[in-house]
Amino acid sequence: MSDVKHSPVLIIGSGPAGYTAAIYAARALLKPVLVAGMEQGGQLMITTEVENYPGYAEPVMGPWMMEQMLEQAKNVGTEVINDIITDVDVTTRPFRATGDSGAVYTADALIIATGAKAKWLGIESEQTYMGYGVSACATCDGFFYRGKDVIVVGGGNTAVEEALYLANLAKSVTLVHRRDELRSEKILQERLFAKENVTIMWDTVLDEITGAKNNPALPAAVTGAKLKNVKTGETTEMPIDGIFVAIGHAPAVSLFEGKLKQKPNGYLWTAPDSTATDIAGVYAAGDVTDDIYRQAVTAAGMGCMAALEAEKFLAEQETQLEAAE
């Protein structure tokens, strides 16, 4: 028989949303259990310097920041378990989740903070230079490319918004798109075409990323890109300082498909001005539901909201039980 572990609040996920939810839930004496998942710490674990998170005068390393959040959650009373949830049942009370370890976790309230992942191109050199010239977040990393030359890959709203943001910082922005027209909203296209330092390479894909070791203390960083025209087959080599992959994000929702209401783009639905899903006692926080901002600080804010809403839900449940007795 599998081990069954019960807690008032179960948190699935371990990025800024999950850790913040854990901190608030623990401080409310709800004895939260947080199941960390496969990629503990979330997307910040593949980020190098973070300087847009409040509270740090100097830039900090993403993995260090996540480690600090983890320790803070533990210090206030969260039980953190290194397991991967493979199944969730939100039709039963208490809610039931099964781990890859075989353990079963039950809870009276559930906070989902499984995050989202940037979609990548899948070329080998992309992984080599991740965090050293390759990024999937202009608002996170664009600041480091002031006065430099960058590429944005993609043709939808995400790519055009990233290119517009970078155009205000970088010396030049080249948008690389595999088709001959953009898929983004027309108003965004008009803004992009009006930018003098933006060039668009149509019918083109990023074939390879090249780099060199400029600092002996650091890994090799991006120095160029090999681009290929999909119609002619012609290849071009371009010296470049940074590459932003902007082909969209995929929320980690596979556990909840068909079980919780989703937005048309797949992200988990939550009530307006709330983290409540369509099932009472189940809350979603961070990038698993946030398809607009996708920032560490907004994820943390939503984690706080989820814990406060879970606390209120549990208090109401207790009041109803007492009234029924």
C-alpha atoms as a PDB file:
ATOM      1  CA  MET A   1       0.000   0.000   0.000  1.00  0.00           C
ATOM      2  CA  SER A   2       1.255   3.504  -0.899  1.00  0.00           C
ATOM      3  CA  ASP A   3       2.193   5.971   1.808  1.00  0.00           C
ATOM      4  CA  VAL A   4      -0.503   8.638   2.242  1.00  0.00           C
ATOM      5  CA  LYS A   5       0.564  12.068   3.450  1.00  0.00           C
ATOM      6  CA  HIS A   6      -2.150  14.564   4.385  1.00  0.00           C
ATOM      7  CA  SER A   7      -1.768  18.334   4.805  1.00  0.00           C
ATOM      8  CA  PRO A   8      -4.215  21.231   4.962  1.00  0.00           C
ATOM      9  CA  VAL A   9      -2.511  22.777   1.902  1.00  0.00           C
ATOM     10  CA  LEU A  10      -0.621  21.004  -0.877  1.00  0.00           C
ATOM     11  CA  ILE A  11       1.492  23.097  -3.250  1.00  0.00           C
ATOM     12  CA  ILE A  12       2.607  21.604  -6.565  1.00  0.00           C
ATOM     13  CA  GLY A  13       5.553  23.474  -8.063  1.00  0.00           C
ATOM     14  CA  SER A  14       8.645  25.258  -6.784  1.00  0.00           C
ATOM     15  CA  GLY A  15       9.207  28.536  -8.574  1.00  0.00           C
ATOM     16  CA  PRO A  16       8.521  32.026  -7.146  1.00  0.00           C
ATOM     17  CA  ALA A  17       4.747  31.338  -7.044  1.00  0.00           C
ATOM     18  CA  GLY A  18       5.070  28.011  -5.240  1.00  0.00           C
ATOM     19  CA  TYR A  19       7.648  29.198  -2.731  1.00  0.00           C
ATOM     20  CA  THR A  20       5.741  32.397  -1.922  1.00  0.00           C
ATOM     21  CA  ALA A  21       2.509  30.448  -1.479  1.00  0.00           C
ATOM     22  CA  ALA A  22       4.406  28.129   0.875  1.00  0.00           C
ATOM     23  CA  ILE A  23       5.813  31.040   2.911  1.00  0.00           C
ATOM     24  CA  TYR A  24       2.375  32.605   3.399  1.00  0.00           C
ATOM     25  CA  ALA A  25       0.633  29.288   4.070  1.00  0.00           C
ATOM     26  CA  ALA A  26       3.279  28.279   6.630  1.00  0.00           C
ATOM     27  CA  ARG A  27       3.018  31.622   8.407  1.00  0.00           C
ATOM     28  CA  ALA A  28      -0.748  31.034   8.631  1.00  0.00           C
ATOM     29  CA  LEU A  29       0.070  27.741  10.423  1.00  0.00           C
ATOM     30  CA  LEU A  30      -1.457  25.680   7.603  1.00  0.00           C
ATOM     31  CA  LYS A  31       1.470  23.210   7.597  1.00  0.00           C
ATOM     32  CA  PRO A  32       1.905  23.263   3.818  1.00  0.00           C
ATOM     33  CA  VAL A  33       3.554  20.452   1.918  1.00  0.00           C
ATOM     34  CA  LEU A  34       5.326  21.553  -1.261  1.00  0.00           C
ATOM     35  CA  VAL A  35       6.168  18.936  -3.888  1.00  0.00           C
ATOM     36  CA  ALA A  36       9.046  20.425  -5.855  1.00  0.00           C
ATOM     37  CA  GLY A  37       8.694  18.649  -9.214  1.00  0.00           C
ATOM     38  CA  MET A  38      11.306  17.826 -11.814  1.00  0.00           C
ATOM     39  CA  GLU A  39      12.788  21.315 -12.250  1.00  0.00           C
ATOM     40  CA  GLN A  40      13.012  22.740  -8.751  1.00  0.00           C
ATOM     41  CA  GLY A  41      13.229  26.504  -8.864  1.00  0.00           C
ATOM     42  CA  GLY A  42      11.559  26.886 -12.270  1.00  0.00           C
ATOM     43  CA  GLN A  43      12.734  29.095 -15.117  1.00  0.00           C
ATOM     44  CA  LEU A  44      14.961  31.238 -12.893  1.00  0.00           C
ATOM     45  CA  MET A  45      17.284  28.244 -12.606  1.00  0.00           C
ATOM     46  CA  ILE A  46      18.381  28.887 -16.225  1.00  0.00           C
ATOM     47  CA  THR A  47      18.703  32.652 -15.714  1.00  0.00           C
ATOM     48  CA  THR A  48      22.047  34.163 -14.842  1.00  0.00           C
ATOM     49  CA  GLU A  49      21.815  37.702 -13.434  1.00  0.00           C
ATOM     50  CA  VAL A  50      18.499  38.956 -12.081  1.00  0.00           C
ATOM     51  CA  GLU A  51      18.224  42.681 -11.434  1.00  0.00           C
ATOM     52  CA  ASN A  52      14.500  43.391 -11.797  1.00  0.00           C
ATOM     53  CA  TYR A  53      13.350  41.604  -8.629  1.00  0.00           C
ATOM     54  CA  PRO A  54      12.767  44.090  -5.782  1.00  0.00           C
ATOM     55  CA  GLY A  55      14.953  43.913  -2.700  1.00  0.00           C
ATOM     56  CA  TYR A  56      18.416  43.453  -4.205  1.00  0.00           C
ATOM     57  CA  ALA A  57      20.583  46.536  -4.782  1.00  0.00           C
ATOM     58  CA  GLU A  58      22.989  44.550  -6.954  1.00  0.00           C
ATOM     59  CA  PRO A  59      22.133  41.868  -9.549  1.00  0.00           C
ATOM     60  CA  VAL A  60      21.776  38.364  -8.109  1.00  0.00           C
ATOM     61  CA  MET A  61      22.010  34.957  -9.755  1.00  0.00           C
ATOM     62  CA  GLY A  62      18.677  33.301 -10.540  1.00  0.00           C
ATOM     63  CA  PRO A  63      19.560  29.916  -8.984  1.00  0.00           C
ATOM     64  CA  TRP A  64      20.817  31.633  -5.791  1.00  0.00           C
ATOM     65  CA  MET A  65      17.567  33.583  -5.496  1.00  0.00           C
ATOM     66  CA  MET A  66      15.528  30.387  -5.793  1.00  0.00           C
ATOM     67  CA  GLU A  67      17.715  28.704  -3.185  1.00  0.00           C
ATOM     68  CA  GLN A  68      17.015  31.600  -0.813  1.00  0.00           C
ATOM     69  CA  MET A  69      13.257  31.301  -1.399  1.00  0.00           C
ATOM     70  CA  LEU A  70      13.435  27.563  -0.754  1.00  0.00           C
ATOM     71  CA  GLU A  71      15.282  28.068   2.551  1.00  0.00           C
ATOM     72  CA  GLN A  72      12.848  30.817   3.574  1.00  0.00           C
ATOM     73  CA  ALA A  73       9.875  28.518   2.901  1.00  0.00           C
ATOM     74  CA  LYS A  74      11.503  25.780   4.975  1.00  0.00           C
ATOM     75  CA  ASN A  75      12.419  28.133   7.824  1.00  0.00           C
ATOM     76  CA  VAL A  76       8.835  29.250   8.343  1.00  0.00           C
ATOM     77  CA  GLY A  77       7.533  25.690   8.424  1.00  0.00           C
ATOM     78  CA  THR A  78       7.003  24.317   4.915  1.00  0.00           C
ATOM     79  CA  GLU A  79       7.747  20.648   4.319  1.00  0.00           C
ATOM     80  CA  VAL A  80       9.470  20.419   0.935  1.00  0.00           C
ATOM     81  CA  ILE A  81       9.435  17.034  -0.767  1.00  0.00           C
ATOM     82  CA  ASN A  82      11.510  16.136  -3.819  1.00  0.00           C
ATOM     83  CA  ASP A  83       8.969  14.186  -5.809  1.00  0.00           C
ATOM     84  CA  ILE A  84       7.200  14.574  -9.147  1.00  0.00           C
ATOM     85  CA  ILE A  85       3.404  14.572  -9.213  1.00  0.00           C
ATOM     86  CA  THR A  86       2.171  12.222 -11.943  1.00  0.00           C
ATOM     87  CA  ASP A  87      -1.592  12.316 -11.318  1.00  0.00           C
ATOM     88  CA  VAL A  88      -4.080  14.624  -9.599  1.00  0.00           C
ATOM     89  CA  ASP A  89      -7.692  13.922  -8.626  1.00  0.00           C
ATOM     90  CA  VAL A  90      -9.675  17.087  -7.920  1.00  0.00           C
ATOM     91  CA  THR A  91     -13.033  15.294  -7.845  1.00  0.00           C
ATOM     92  CA  THR A  92     -12.480  13.807  -4.380  1.00  0.00           C
ATOM     93  CA  ARG A  93     -12.340  15.506  -0.974  1.00  0.00           C
ATOM     94  CA  PRO A  94      -9.668  15.745   0.226  1.00  0.00           C
ATOM     95  CA  PHE A  95      -7.879  16.357  -3.088  1.00  0.00           C
ATOM     96  CA  ARG A  96      -5.501  13.565  -4.029  1.00  0.00           C
ATOM     97  CA  ALA A  97      -2.161  13.662  -5.849  1.00  0.00           C
ATOM     98  CA  THR A  98       0.104  10.744  -6.691  1.00  0.00           C
ATOM     99  CA  GLY A  99       3.869  11.076  -6.874  1.00  0.00           C
ATOM    100  CA  ASP A 100       6.349   9.326  -9.107  1.00  0.00           C
ATOM    101  CA  SER A 101       7.755   7.817  -5.890  1.00  0.00           C
ATOM    102  CA  GLY A 102       4.439   6.038  -5.294  1.00  0.00           C
ATOM    103  CA  ALA A 103       3.555   8.332  -2.399  1.00  0.00           C
ATOM    104  CA  VAL A 104       0.025   9.743  -2.248  1.00  0.00           C
ATOM    105  CA  TYR A 105      -0.544  13.309  -1.071  1.00  0.00           C
ATOM    106  CA  THR A 106      -3.961  14.471   0.117  1.00  0.00           C
ATOM    107  CA  ALA A 107      -4.982  18.011   1.013  1.00  0.00           C
ATOM    108  CA  ASP A 108      -7.983  20.144   1.860  1.00  0.00           C
ATOM    109  CA  ALA A 109      -6.773  22.939  -0.428  1.00  0.00           C
ATOM    110  CA  LEU A 110      -4.547  22.701  -3.496  1.00  0.00           C
ATOM    111  CA  ILE A 111      -2.277  25.378  -4.971  1.00  0.00           C
ATOM    112  CA  ILE A 112      -0.997  24.738  -8.486  1.00  0.00           C
ATOM    113  CA  ALA A 113       2.248  26.540  -9.331  1.00  0.00           C
ATOM    114  CA  THR A 114       3.687  24.306 -12.045  1.00  0.00           C
ATOM    115  CA  GLY A 115       4.780  27.254 -14.211  1.00  0.00           C
ATOM    116  CA  ALA A 116       5.386  27.427 -17.923  1.00  0.00           C
ATOM    117  CA  LYS A 117       8.293  26.808 -20.202  1.00  0.00           C
ATOM    118  CA  ALA A 118       9.507  28.888 -23.095  1.00  0.00           C
ATOM    119  CA  LYS A 119       9.270  26.986 -26.353  1.00  0.00           C
ATOM    120  CA  TRP A 120      12.708  26.468 -27.855  1.00  0.00           C
ATOM    121  CA  LEU A 121      13.873  25.876 -31.404  1.00  0.00           C
ATOM    122  CA  GLY A 122      15.498  22.559 -30.569  1.00  0.00           C
ATOM    123  CA  ILE A 123      18.912  23.205 -32.092  1.00  0.00           C
ATOM    124  CA  GLU A 124      21.868  21.902 -30.101  1.00  0.00           C
ATOM    125  CA  SER A 125      23.773  25.212 -29.869  1.00  0.00           C
ATOM    126  CA  GLU A 126      20.710  26.841 -28.283  1.00  0.00           C
ATOM    127  CA  GLN A 127      21.272  24.832 -25.093  1.00  0.00           C
ATOM    128  CA  THR A 128      25.034  25.467 -25.185  1.00  0.00           C
ATOM    129  CA  TYR A 129      24.636  29.250 -24.887  1.00  0.00           C
ATOM    130  CA  MET A 130      21.541  29.359 -22.663  1.00  0.00           C
ATOM    131  CA  GLY A 131      22.045  32.269 -20.283  1.00  0.00           C
ATOM    132  CA  TYR A 132      25.195  33.353 -22.149  1.00  0.00           C
ATOM    133  CA  GLY A 133      23.653  35.171 -25.067  1.00  0.00           C
ATOM    134  CA  VAL A 134      20.532  33.050 -25.580  1.00  0.00           C
ATOM    135  CA  SER A 135      17.379  34.077 -23.755  1.00  0.00           C
ATOM    136  CA  ALA A 136      13.611  33.679 -23.990  1.00  0.00           C
ATOM    137  CA  CYS A 137      12.730  36.833 -22.054  1.00  0.00           C
ATOM    138  CA  ALA A 138      13.551  40.345 -23.275  1.00  0.00           C
ATOM    139  CA  THR A 139      12.105  42.060 -20.199  1.00  0.00           C
ATOM    140  CA  CYS A 140      14.312  39.815 -18.038  1.00  0.00           C
ATOM    141  CA  ASP A 141      17.573  40.102 -19.969  1.00  0.00           C
ATOM    142  CA  GLY A 142      17.263  42.935 -22.501  1.00  0.00           C
ATOM    143  CA  PHE A 143      19.015  45.394 -20.192  1.00  0.00           C
ATOM    144  CA  PHE A 144      22.300  43.516 -20.694  1.00  0.00           C
ATOM    145  CA  TYR A 145      22.201  44.261 -24.435  1.00  0.00           C
ATOM    146  CA  ARG A 146      22.090  48.052 -24.346  1.00  0.00           C
ATOM    147  CA  GLY A 147      23.866  49.398 -27.418  1.00  0.00           C
ATOM    148  CA  LYS A 148      24.428  45.901 -28.796  1.00  0.00           C
ATOM    149  CA  ASP A 149      23.157  43.902 -31.786  1.00  0.00           C
ATOM    150  CA  VAL A 150      20.501  41.264 -31.157  1.00  0.00           C
ATOM    151  CA  ILE A 151      18.280  38.803 -32.999  1.00  0.00           C
ATOM    152  CA  VAL A 152      14.690  37.937 -32.134  1.00  0.00           C
ATOM    153  CA  VAL A 153      13.341  34.661 -33.552  1.00  0.00           C
ATOM    154  CA  GLY A 154       9.596  34.395 -34.183  1.00  0.00           C
ATOM    155  CA  GLY A 155       6.676  36.067 -35.907  1.00  0.00           C
ATOM    156  CA  GLY A 156       3.772  36.198 -33.459  1.00  0.00           C
ATOM    157  CA  ASN A 157       2.766  38.719 -30.799  1.00  0.00           C
ATOM    158  CA  THR A 158       5.480  37.469 -28.413  1.00  0.00           C
ATOM    159  CA  ALA A 159       8.261  38.013 -30.959  1.00  0.00           C
ATOM    160  CA  VAL A 160       7.087  41.456 -32.049  1.00  0.00           C
ATOM    161  CA  GLU A 161       6.590  42.621 -28.454  1.00  0.00           C
ATOM    162  CA  GLU A 162      10.095  41.382 -27.579  1.00  0.00           C
ATOM    163  CA  ALA A 163      11.558  43.132 -30.637  1.00  0.00           C
ATOM    164  CA  LEU A 164       9.768  46.404 -29.771  1.00  0.00           C
ATOM    165  CA  TYR A 165      11.054  46.251 -26.210  1.00  0.00           C
ATOM    166  CA  LEU A 166      14.615  45.518 -27.341  1.00  0.00           C
ATOM    167  CA  ALA A 167      14.516  48.255 -30.000  1.00  0.00           C
ATOM    168  CA  ASN A 168      14.538  50.817 -27.171  1.00  0.00           C
ATOM    169  CA  LEU A 169      17.682  49.285 -25.667  1.00  0.00           C
ATOM    170  CA  ALA A 170      19.756  47.613 -28.354  1.00  0.00           C
ATOM    171  CA  LYS A 171      21.761  49.222 -31.153  1.00  0.00           C
ATOM    172  CA  SER A 172      20.014  47.003 -33.711  1.00  0.00           C
ATOM    173  CA  VAL A 173      17.320  44.336 -33.684  1.00  0.00           C
ATOM    174  CA  THR A 174      16.939  41.741 -36.439  1.00  0.00           C
ATOM    175  CA  LEU A 175      13.662  39.847 -36.422  1.00  0.00           C
ATOM    176  CA  VAL A 176      14.113  36.417 -38.000  1.00  0.00           C
ATOM    177  CA  HIS A 177      10.876  34.839 -39.242  1.00  0.00           C
ATOM    178  CA  ARG A 178      10.413  31.636 -41.211  1.00  0.00           C
ATOM    179  CA  ARG A 179       7.424  32.976 -43.183  1.00  0.00           C
ATOM    180  CA  ASP A 180       6.892  35.988 -45.475  1.00  0.00           C
ATOM    181  CA  GLU A 181       4.412  37.733 -43.188  1.00  0.00           C
ATOM    182  CA  LEU A 182       4.035  38.176 -39.441  1.00  0.00           C
ATOM    183  CA  ARG A 183       1.270  36.520 -37.419  1.00  0.00           C
ATOM    184  CA  SER A 184       1.121  39.280 -34.823  1.00  0.00           C
ATOM    185  CA  GLU A 185      -1.612  41.902 -34.423  1.00  0.00           C
ATOM    186  CA  LYS A 186      -1.552  44.592 -37.116  1.00  0.00           C
ATOM    187  CA  ILE A 187      -1.051  47.450 -34.652  1.00  0.00           C
ATOM    188  CA  LEU A 188       2.075  45.740 -33.290  1.00  0.00           C
ATOM    189  CA  GLN A 189       3.378  45.259 -36.834  1.00  0.00           C
ATOM    190  CA  GLU A 190       2.881  48.962 -37.596  1.00  0.00           C
ATOM    191  CA  ARG A 191       4.866  49.920 -34.506  1.00  0.00           C
ATOM    192  CA  LEU A 192       7.631  47.486 -35.432  1.00  0.00           C
ATOM    193  CA  PHE A 193       7.906  48.687 -39.054  1.00  0.00           C
ATOM    194  CA  ALA A 194       8.216  52.256 -37.762  1.00  0.00           C
ATOM    195  CA  LYS A 195      11.360  51.424 -35.755  1.00  0.00           C
ATOM    196  CA  GLU A 196      14.462  52.567 -37.624  1.00  0.00           C
ATOM    197  CA  ASN A 197      16.818  50.145 -35.870  1.00  0.00           C
ATOM    198  CA  VAL A 198      14.719  47.046 -36.634  1.00  0.00           C
ATOM    199  CA  THR A 199      15.339  44.825 -39.676  1.00  0.00           C
ATOM    200  CA  ILE A 200      13.202  41.846 -40.651  1.00  0.00           C
ATOM    201  CA  MET A 201      14.636  38.767 -42.342  1.00  0.00           C
ATOM    202  CA  TRP A 202      11.726  37.007 -44.029  1.00  0.00           C
ATOM    203  CA  ASP A 203      11.615  33.287 -44.927  1.00  0.00           C
ATOM    204  CA  THR A 204      14.584  32.680 -42.653  1.00  0.00           C
ATOM    205  CA  VAL A 205      15.394  30.292 -39.828  1.00  0.00           C
ATOM    206  CA  LEU A 206      18.150  30.260 -37.231  1.00  0.00           C
ATOM    207  CA  ASP A 207      20.306  27.307 -38.197  1.00  0.00           C
ATOM    208  CA  GLU A 208      23.140  27.522 -35.678  1.00  0.00           C
ATOM    209  CA  ILE A 209      24.479  29.738 -32.902  1.00  0.00           C
ATOM    210  CA  THR A 210      28.221  30.358 -32.674  1.00  0.00           C
ATOM    211  CA  GLY A 211      30.237  31.610 -29.736  1.00  0.00           C
ATOM    212  CA  ALA A 212      33.635  32.285 -28.257  1.00  0.00           C
ATOM    213  CA  LYS A 213      35.224  32.422 -24.812  1.00  0.00           C
ATOM    214  CA  ASN A 214      35.911  36.072 -24.038  1.00  0.00           C
ATOM    215  CA  ASN A 215      36.302  35.749 -20.274  1.00  0.00           C
ATOM    216  CA  PRO A 216      38.394  32.852 -18.857  1.00  0.00           C
ATOM    217  CA  ALA A 217      36.191  32.789 -15.738  1.00  0.00           C
ATOM    218  CA  LEU A 218      32.952  32.349 -17.703  1.00  0.00           C
ATOM    219  CA  PRO A 219      31.629  29.865 -20.270  1.00  0.00           C
ATOM    220  CA  ALA A 220      31.701  30.769 -23.966  1.00  0.00           C
ATOM    221  CA  ALA A 221      29.195  33.433 -25.017  1.00  0.00           C
ATOM    222  CA  VAL A 222      27.277  34.108 -28.250  1.00  0.00           C
ATOM    223  CA  THR A 223      29.215  35.904 -30.975  1.00  0.00           C
ATOM    224  CA  GLY A 224      27.241  35.049 -34.105  1.00  0.00           C
ATOM    225  CA  ALA A 225      24.402  33.258 -35.865  1.00  0.00           C
ATOM    226  CA  LYS A 226      24.090  31.155 -39.003  1.00  0.00           C
ATOM    227  CA  LEU A 227      20.825  31.952 -40.764  1.00  0.00           C
ATOM    228  CA  LYS A 228      19.209  30.019 -43.606  1.00  0.00           C
ATOM    229  CA  ASN A 229      16.685  31.189 -46.180  1.00  0.00           C
ATOM    230  CA  VAL A 230      14.013  28.470 -46.375  1.00  0.00           C
ATOM    231  CA  LYS A 231      13.138  29.286 -50.011  1.00  0.00           C
ATOM    232  CA  THR A 232      16.590  29.610 -51.571  1.00  0.00           C
ATOM    233  CA  GLY A 233      18.631  27.513 -49.125  1.00  0.00           C
ATOM    234  CA  GLU A 234      21.165  30.340 -48.942  1.00  0.00           C
ATOM    235  CA  THR A 235      22.991  30.672 -45.611  1.00  0.00           C
ATOM    236  CA  THR A 236      24.211  33.868 -43.997  1.00  0.00           C
ATOM    237  CA  GLU A 237      26.580  34.336 -41.072  1.00  0.00           C
ATOM    238  CA  MET A 238      25.879  37.339 -38.876  1.00  0.00           C
ATOM    239  CA  PRO A 239      27.949  38.670 -35.963  1.00  0.00           C
ATOM    240  CA  ILE A 240      25.551  39.102 -33.048  1.00  0.00           C
ATOM    241  CA  ASP A 241      25.660  39.715 -29.284  1.00  0.00           C
ATOM    242  CA  GLY A 242      22.377  38.180 -28.182  1.00  0.00           C
ATOM    243  CA  ILE A 243      19.606  35.914 -29.432  1.00  0.00           C
ATOM    244  CA  PHE A 244      16.060  36.004 -28.071  1.00  0.00           C
ATOM    245  CA  VAL A 245      13.878  33.018 -28.898  1.00  0.00           C
ATOM    246  CA  ALA A 246      10.266  34.214 -28.924  1.00  0.00           C
ATOM    247  CA  ILE A 247       8.136  31.425 -30.338  1.00  0.00           C
ATOM    248  CA  GLY A 248       5.781  31.301 -27.370  1.00  0.00           C
ATOM    249  CA  HIS A 249       5.381  29.630 -23.983  1.00  0.00           C
ATOM    250  CA  ALA A 250       3.731  26.368 -23.000  1.00  0.00           C
ATOM    251  CA  PRO A 251       2.122  26.187 -19.548  1.00  0.00           C
ATOM    252  CA  ALA A 252       2.784  22.998 -17.554  1.00  0.00           C
ATOM    253  CA  VAL A 253      -0.858  21.906 -17.475  1.00  0.00           C
ATOM    254  CA  SER A 254      -0.762  18.265 -18.622  1.00  0.00           C
ATOM    255  CA  LEU A 255      -1.752  17.075 -15.117  1.00  0.00           C
ATOM    256  CA  PHE A 256      -4.917  19.167 -15.186  1.00  0.00           C
ATOM    257  CA  GLU A 257      -6.192  18.902 -18.753  1.00  0.00           C
ATOM    258  CA  GLY A 258      -9.849  17.903 -18.714  1.00  0.00           C
ATOM    259  CA  LYS A 259      -9.946  18.372 -14.930  1.00  0.00           C
ATOM    260  CA  LEU A 260      -9.800  22.164 -14.585  1.00  0.00           C
ATOM    261  CA  LYS A 261     -11.094  24.936 -16.829  1.00  0.00           C
ATOM    262  CA  GLN A 262      -8.468  26.306 -19.211  1.00  0.00           C
ATOM    263  CA  LYS A 263      -8.162  29.488 -21.252  1.00  0.00           C
ATOM    264  CA  PRO A 264      -8.320  29.118 -25.057  1.00  0.00           C
ATOM    265  CA  ASN A 265      -4.477  29.183 -25.166  1.00  0.00           C
ATOM    266  CA  GLY A 266      -4.172  26.339 -22.649  1.00  0.00           C
ATOM    267  CA  TYR A 267      -3.276  28.279 -19.501  1.00  0.00           C
ATOM    268  CA  LEU A 268      -5.347  27.493 -16.414  1.00  0.00           C
ATOM    269  CA  TRP A 269      -8.391  29.714 -15.996  1.00  0.00           C
ATOM    270  CA  THR A 270      -8.789  31.701 -12.782  1.00  0.00           C
ATOM    271  CA  ALA A 271     -11.611  33.965 -11.650  1.00  0.00           C
ATOM    272  CA  PRO A 272     -11.079  37.732 -12.183  1.00  0.00           C
ATOM    273  CA  ASP A 273      -8.848  39.320  -9.514  1.00  0.00           C
ATOM    274  CA  SER A 274      -8.343  35.880  -7.951  1.00  0.00           C
ATOM    275  CA  THR A 275      -6.288  32.706  -8.191  1.00  0.00           C
ATOM    276  CA  ALA A 276      -9.400  30.512  -7.760  1.00  0.00           C
ATOM    277  CA  THR A 277      -9.957  27.911 -10.468  1.00  0.00           C
ATOM    278  CA  ASP A 278     -13.398  26.549 -11.352  1.00  0.00           C
ATOM    279  CA  ILE A 279     -13.165  23.999  -8.513  1.00  0.00           C
ATOM    280  CA  ALA A 280     -13.587  25.350  -4.983  1.00  0.00           C
ATOM    281  CA  GLY A 281     -10.410  24.949  -2.941  1.00  0.00           C
ATOM    282  CA  VAL A 282      -8.109  24.671  -5.970  1.00  0.00           C
ATOM    283  CA  TYR A 283      -5.961  27.693  -6.823  1.00  0.00           C
ATOM    284  CA  ALA A 284      -3.515  28.432  -9.649  1.00  0.00           C
ATOM    285  CA  ALA A 285      -0.625  30.903  -9.351  1.00  0.00           C
ATOM    286  CA  GLY A 286       2.238  32.100 -11.525  1.00  0.00           C
ATOM    287  CA  ASP A 287       3.051  31.223 -15.100  1.00  0.00           C
ATOM    288  CA  VAL A 288       0.675  28.246 -15.232  1.00  0.00           C
ATOM    289  CA  THR A 289      -2.174  30.802 -15.371  1.00  0.00           C
ATOM    290  CA  ASP A 290      -0.437  34.100 -16.206  1.00  0.00           C
ATOM    291  CA  ASP A 291      -0.189  34.448 -19.977  1.00  0.00           C
ATOM    292  CA  ILE A 292       0.341  38.233 -19.867  1.00  0.00           C
ATOM    293  CA  TYR A 293       3.164  39.266 -17.513  1.00  0.00           C
ATOM    294  CA  ARG A 294       5.193  36.075 -16.873  1.00  0.00           C
ATOM    295  CA  GLN A 295       7.569  37.746 -14.404  1.00  0.00           C
ATOM    296  CA  ALA A 296       9.051  36.346 -11.197  1.00  0.00           C
ATOM    297  CA  VAL A 297       7.638  39.224  -9.164  1.00  0.00           C
ATOM    298  CA  THR A 298       4.088  38.785 -10.497  1.00  0.00           C
ATOM    299  CA  ALA A 299       4.336  35.028  -9.914  1.00  0.00           C
ATOM    300  CA  ALA A 300       5.353  35.674  -6.303  1.00  0.00           C
ATOM    301  CA  GLY A 301       2.426  38.054  -5.908  1.00  0.00           C
ATOM    302  CA  MET A 302       0.024  35.426  -7.198  1.00  0.00           C
ATOM    303  CA  GLY A 303       1.537  32.850  -4.835  1.00  0.00           C
ATOM    304  CA  CYS A 304       0.741  35.206  -1.958  1.00  0.00           C
ATOM    305  CA  MET A 305      -2.833  35.616  -3.252  1.00  0.00           C
ATOM    306  CA  ALA A 306      -3.318  31.850  -3.564  1.00  0.00           C
ATOM    307  CA  ALA A 307      -2.186  31.196   0.006  1.00  0.00           C
ATOM    308  CA  LEU A 308      -4.442  33.925   1.403  1.00  0.00           C
ATOM    309  CA  GLU A 309      -7.400  32.605  -0.597  1.00  0.00           C
ATOM    310  CA  ALA A 310      -6.675  29.034   0.528  1.00  0.00           C
ATOM    311  CA  GLU A 311      -6.507  30.192   4.146  1.00  0.00           C
ATOM    312  CA  LYS A 312      -9.901  31.916   3.806  1.00  0.00           C
ATOM    313  CA  PHE A 313     -11.408  28.845   2.102  1.00  0.00           C
ATOM    314  CA  LEU A 314     -10.215  26.507   4.868  1.00  0.00           C
ATOM    315  CA  ALA A 315     -11.526  28.849   7.576  1.00  0.00           C
ATOM    316  CA  GLU A 316     -14.939  28.903   5.892  1.00  0.00           C
ATOM    317  CA  GLN A 317     -14.944  25.116   5.601  1.00  0.00           C
ATOM    318  CA  GLU A 318     -14.198  24.822   9.315  1.00  0.00           C
ATOM    319  CA  THR A 319     -17.005  27.263  10.176  1.00  0.00           C
ATOM    320  CA  GLN A 320     -19.454  25.242   8.075  1.00  0.00           C
ATOM    321  CA  LEU A 321     -18.399  22.020   9.796  1.00  0.00           C
ATOM    322  CA  GLU A 322     -18.851  23.554  13.236  1.00  0.00           C
ATOM    323  CA  ALA A 323     -22.289  24.871  12.278  1.00  0.00           C
ATOM    324  CA  ALA A 324     -23.338  21.429  11.060  1.00  0.00           C
ATOM    325  CA  GLU A 325     -22.368  19.715  14.310  1.00  0.00           C
END
